[in-house]
Amino acid sequence: MSNSIASGVAYADPEFTTCYASAEIGYSAAAQGAVTQLTDKTTAVTLNKSAGRITLNNAALAGNTAVSFTLNNSLLSANDTVIVCISGGATTGAYTSYVTSLTTGSAILTLRNLTGTSYSEAVILNYAIIHGAS
């Protein structure tokens, strides 16, 4: 691979505790996916990828209200960490997103409308799993 640059190391070693990168580090395109939520903002979605993009249903979310839905993902273990952020489709500063709970095979994600205004937006959430030891 003529365009490859070594940006870190990954190997099984009980002495290995640190990984340094001098360039981008993340998931390959094959480890990423996308899904669109059906019906409303509480409808569960399934995406069996380590990183993904979830387009939420554009149902109204009242001001000062939170809504949660399940992300089903066969790659999740109870030892993992899920990072979630808003990446598009939203009024700037109107929402926050977070993980409410995590178990093997699924996570509960929450979107909260921080304003006093009801919005009907197809908010896009990105997530990435930091896989822990099983």
C-alpha atoms as a PDB file:
ATOM      1  CA  MET A   1       0.000   0.000   0.000  1.00  0.00           C
ATOM      2  CA  SER A   2       1.923   3.004  -1.250  1.00  0.00           C
ATOM      3  CA  ASN A   3      -0.340   5.550   0.476  1.00  0.00           C
ATOM      4  CA  SER A   4      -0.252   3.903   3.906  1.00  0.00           C
ATOM      5  CA  ILE A   5       1.154   5.673   6.932  1.00  0.00           C
ATOM      6  CA  ALA A   6       1.772   3.892  10.226  1.00  0.00           C
ATOM      7  CA  SER A   7      -0.362   5.749  12.770  1.00  0.00           C
ATOM      8  CA  GLY A   8      -0.294   3.447  15.782  1.00  0.00           C
ATOM      9  CA  VAL A   9       0.018  -0.101  16.904  1.00  0.00           C
ATOM     10  CA  ALA A  10      -2.485  -2.744  17.872  1.00  0.00           C
ATOM     11  CA  TYR A  11      -1.551  -6.191  19.081  1.00  0.00           C
ATOM     12  CA  ALA A  12      -2.334  -8.580  21.914  1.00  0.00           C
ATOM     13  CA  ASP A  13       0.234  -8.030  24.638  1.00  0.00           C
ATOM     14  CA  PRO A  14      -0.390  -7.947  28.399  1.00  0.00           C
ATOM     15  CA  GLU A  15       2.309  -5.253  28.687  1.00  0.00           C
ATOM     16  CA  PHE A  16       0.645  -3.005  26.080  1.00  0.00           C
ATOM     17  CA  THR A  17      -1.030  -0.065  27.811  1.00  0.00           C
ATOM     18  CA  THR A  18      -0.636   2.930  25.478  1.00  0.00           C
ATOM     19  CA  CYS A  19      -1.226   3.608  21.805  1.00  0.00           C
ATOM     20  CA  TYR A  20       0.043   6.818  20.221  1.00  0.00           C
ATOM     21  CA  ALA A  21      -1.138   8.110  16.868  1.00  0.00           C
ATOM     22  CA  SER A  22       0.254  10.926  14.804  1.00  0.00           C
ATOM     23  CA  ALA A  23      -2.566  10.782  12.265  1.00  0.00           C
ATOM     24  CA  GLU A  24      -6.228   9.864  12.029  1.00  0.00           C
ATOM     25  CA  ILE A  25      -7.336   6.789  13.940  1.00  0.00           C
ATOM     26  CA  GLY A  26     -10.773   5.217  13.709  1.00  0.00           C
ATOM     27  CA  TYR A  27     -12.907   2.620  11.994  1.00  0.00           C
ATOM     28  CA  SER A  28     -12.658   1.494   8.371  1.00  0.00           C
ATOM     29  CA  ALA A  29     -15.574   2.076   6.017  1.00  0.00           C
ATOM     30  CA  ALA A  30     -16.544  -1.594   6.421  1.00  0.00           C
ATOM     31  CA  ALA A  31     -17.004  -1.074  10.174  1.00  0.00           C
ATOM     32  CA  GLN A  32     -19.420   1.834   9.656  1.00  0.00           C
ATOM     33  CA  GLY A  33     -23.082   1.926   8.694  1.00  0.00           C
ATOM     34  CA  ALA A  34     -26.240   3.997   8.620  1.00  0.00           C
ATOM     35  CA  VAL A  35     -29.862   3.457   9.570  1.00  0.00           C
ATOM     36  CA  THR A  36     -33.037   5.565   9.465  1.00  0.00           C
ATOM     37  CA  GLN A  37     -35.503   5.401  12.323  1.00  0.00           C
ATOM     38  CA  LEU A  38     -39.102   4.579  11.361  1.00  0.00           C
ATOM     39  CA  THR A  39     -42.432   5.642  12.929  1.00  0.00           C
ATOM     40  CA  ASP A  40     -41.313   8.084  15.686  1.00  0.00           C
ATOM     41  CA  LYS A  41     -38.359   9.089  17.885  1.00  0.00           C
ATOM     42  CA  THR A  42     -38.937   6.199  20.324  1.00  0.00           C
ATOM     43  CA  THR A  43     -38.695   3.487  17.650  1.00  0.00           C
ATOM     44  CA  ALA A  44     -35.761   1.099  18.115  1.00  0.00           C
ATOM     45  CA  VAL A  45     -33.115   0.814  15.400  1.00  0.00           C
ATOM     46  CA  THR A  46     -30.686  -1.992  14.588  1.00  0.00           C
ATOM     47  CA  LEU A  47     -27.190  -1.362  13.242  1.00  0.00           C
ATOM     48  CA  ASN A  48     -24.562  -4.059  13.789  1.00  0.00           C
ATOM     49  CA  LYS A  49     -21.514  -1.876  13.150  1.00  0.00           C
ATOM     50  CA  SER A  50     -18.829  -0.432  15.445  1.00  0.00           C
ATOM     51  CA  ALA A  51     -19.599   3.093  14.229  1.00  0.00           C
ATOM     52  CA  GLY A  52     -22.701   4.489  12.630  1.00  0.00           C
ATOM     53  CA  ARG A  53     -25.030   7.255  11.668  1.00  0.00           C
ATOM     54  CA  ILE A  54     -28.641   7.208  12.862  1.00  0.00           C
ATOM     55  CA  THR A  55     -31.162   9.486  11.171  1.00  0.00           C
ATOM     56  CA  LEU A  56     -34.002   9.947  13.627  1.00  0.00           C
ATOM     57  CA  ASN A  57     -37.639  10.199  12.617  1.00  0.00           C
ATOM     58  CA  ASN A  58     -38.794  13.791  12.145  1.00  0.00           C
ATOM     59  CA  ALA A  59     -41.660  13.482  14.650  1.00  0.00           C
ATOM     60  CA  ALA A  60     -42.104  16.503  16.899  1.00  0.00           C
ATOM     61  CA  LEU A  61     -40.089  16.714  20.096  1.00  0.00           C
ATOM     62  CA  ALA A  62     -41.619  19.195  22.527  1.00  0.00           C
ATOM     63  CA  GLY A  63     -39.477  21.816  24.203  1.00  0.00           C
ATOM     64  CA  ASN A  64     -37.692  20.823  27.407  1.00  0.00           C
ATOM     65  CA  THR A  65     -38.403  17.158  26.678  1.00  0.00           C
ATOM     66  CA  ALA A  66     -36.214  14.075  26.315  1.00  0.00           C
ATOM     67  CA  VAL A  67     -36.957  10.980  24.262  1.00  0.00           C
ATOM     68  CA  SER A  68     -35.122   7.653  24.331  1.00  0.00           C
ATOM     69  CA  PHE A  69     -34.828   4.770  21.898  1.00  0.00           C
ATOM     70  CA  THR A  70     -32.929   1.489  21.736  1.00  0.00           C
ATOM     71  CA  LEU A  71     -29.923   0.934  19.500  1.00  0.00           C
ATOM     72  CA  ASN A  72     -29.719  -2.835  18.942  1.00  0.00           C
ATOM     73  CA  ASN A  73     -26.174  -3.827  18.032  1.00  0.00           C
ATOM     74  CA  SER A  74     -24.816  -7.380  18.192  1.00  0.00           C
ATOM     75  CA  LEU A  75     -21.251  -6.033  18.579  1.00  0.00           C
ATOM     76  CA  LEU A  76     -21.988  -4.321  21.915  1.00  0.00           C
ATOM     77  CA  SER A  77     -20.852  -5.854  25.176  1.00  0.00           C
ATOM     78  CA  ALA A  78     -21.489  -4.634  28.689  1.00  0.00           C
ATOM     79  CA  ASN A  79     -17.774  -3.696  28.873  1.00  0.00           C
ATOM     80  CA  ASP A  80     -17.930  -1.246  25.960  1.00  0.00           C
ATOM     81  CA  THR A  81     -18.304   2.527  25.895  1.00  0.00           C
ATOM     82  CA  VAL A  82     -20.569   4.224  23.368  1.00  0.00           C
ATOM     83  CA  ILE A  83     -19.885   7.792  22.288  1.00  0.00           C
ATOM     84  CA  VAL A  84     -22.793   9.639  20.661  1.00  0.00           C
ATOM     85  CA  CYS A  85     -23.059  13.131  19.172  1.00  0.00           C
ATOM     86  CA  ILE A  86     -25.396  15.203  17.018  1.00  0.00           C
ATOM     87  CA  SER A  87     -23.965  15.526  13.525  1.00  0.00           C
ATOM     88  CA  GLY A  88     -26.713  17.157  11.507  1.00  0.00           C
ATOM     89  CA  GLY A  89     -30.380  17.782  10.807  1.00  0.00           C
ATOM     90  CA  ALA A  90     -30.812  19.825  13.977  1.00  0.00           C
ATOM     91  CA  THR A  91     -31.266  23.433  14.948  1.00  0.00           C
ATOM     92  CA  THR A  92     -27.859  24.463  16.311  1.00  0.00           C
ATOM     93  CA  GLY A  93     -27.735  24.295  20.105  1.00  0.00           C
ATOM     94  CA  ALA A  94     -31.287  22.967  20.456  1.00  0.00           C
ATOM     95  CA  TYR A  95     -30.434  19.426  21.542  1.00  0.00           C
ATOM     96  CA  THR A  96     -28.100  17.261  23.526  1.00  0.00           C
ATOM     97  CA  SER A  97     -27.616  13.525  23.123  1.00  0.00           C
ATOM     98  CA  TYR A  98     -26.296  10.898  25.483  1.00  0.00           C
ATOM     99  CA  VAL A  99     -26.251   7.211  26.336  1.00  0.00           C
ATOM    100  CA  THR A 100     -28.709   6.361  29.108  1.00  0.00           C
ATOM    101  CA  SER A 101     -27.802   2.701  29.564  1.00  0.00           C
ATOM    102  CA  LEU A 102     -25.765  -0.078  28.003  1.00  0.00           C
ATOM    103  CA  THR A 103     -25.976  -3.842  28.055  1.00  0.00           C
ATOM    104  CA  THR A 104     -24.758  -6.671  25.861  1.00  0.00           C
ATOM    105  CA  GLY A 105     -26.467  -6.253  22.496  1.00  0.00           C
ATOM    106  CA  SER A 106     -28.077  -2.857  23.010  1.00  0.00           C
ATOM    107  CA  ALA A 107     -27.807   0.696  24.283  1.00  0.00           C
ATOM    108  CA  ILE A 108     -30.447   3.252  25.145  1.00  0.00           C
ATOM    109  CA  LEU A 109     -29.761   6.594  23.449  1.00  0.00           C
ATOM    110  CA  THR A 110     -31.496   9.794  24.516  1.00  0.00           C
ATOM    111  CA  LEU A 111     -32.120  13.038  22.640  1.00  0.00           C
ATOM    112  CA  ARG A 112     -33.143  16.055  24.706  1.00  0.00           C
ATOM    113  CA  ASN A 113     -34.660  19.252  23.339  1.00  0.00           C
ATOM    114  CA  LEU A 114     -33.052  22.005  25.429  1.00  0.00           C
ATOM    115  CA  THR A 115     -35.287  24.810  24.180  1.00  0.00           C
ATOM    116  CA  GLY A 116     -38.846  25.889  24.900  1.00  0.00           C
ATOM    117  CA  THR A 117     -39.770  25.304  21.257  1.00  0.00           C
ATOM    118  CA  SER A 118     -41.130  22.108  19.715  1.00  0.00           C
ATOM    119  CA  TYR A 119     -39.091  20.935  16.720  1.00  0.00           C
ATOM    120  CA  SER A 120     -39.921  18.358  14.042  1.00  0.00           C
ATOM    121  CA  GLU A 121     -36.437  17.570  12.765  1.00  0.00           C
ATOM    122  CA  ALA A 122     -34.745  14.441  11.461  1.00  0.00           C
ATOM    123  CA  VAL A 123     -31.776  14.794  13.810  1.00  0.00           C
ATOM    124  CA  ILE A 124     -28.708  12.773  12.811  1.00  0.00           C
ATOM    125  CA  LEU A 125     -26.702  11.064  15.542  1.00  0.00           C
ATOM    126  CA  ASN A 126     -23.241   9.592  15.060  1.00  0.00           C
ATOM    127  CA  TYR A 127     -22.030   6.881  17.402  1.00  0.00           C
ATOM    128  CA  ALA A 128     -18.816   4.987  17.917  1.00  0.00           C
ATOM    129  CA  ILE A 129     -18.144   2.044  20.174  1.00  0.00           C
ATOM    130  CA  ILE A 130     -14.936   1.838  22.148  1.00  0.00           C
ATOM    131  CA  HIS A 131     -14.724  -1.905  22.598  1.00  0.00           C
ATOM    132  CA  GLY A 132     -13.659  -3.043  26.062  1.00  0.00           C
ATOM    133  CA  ALA A 133     -12.243  -6.367  27.105  1.00  0.00           C
ATOM    134  CA  SER A 134     -14.802  -9.156  27.124  1.00  0.00           C
END
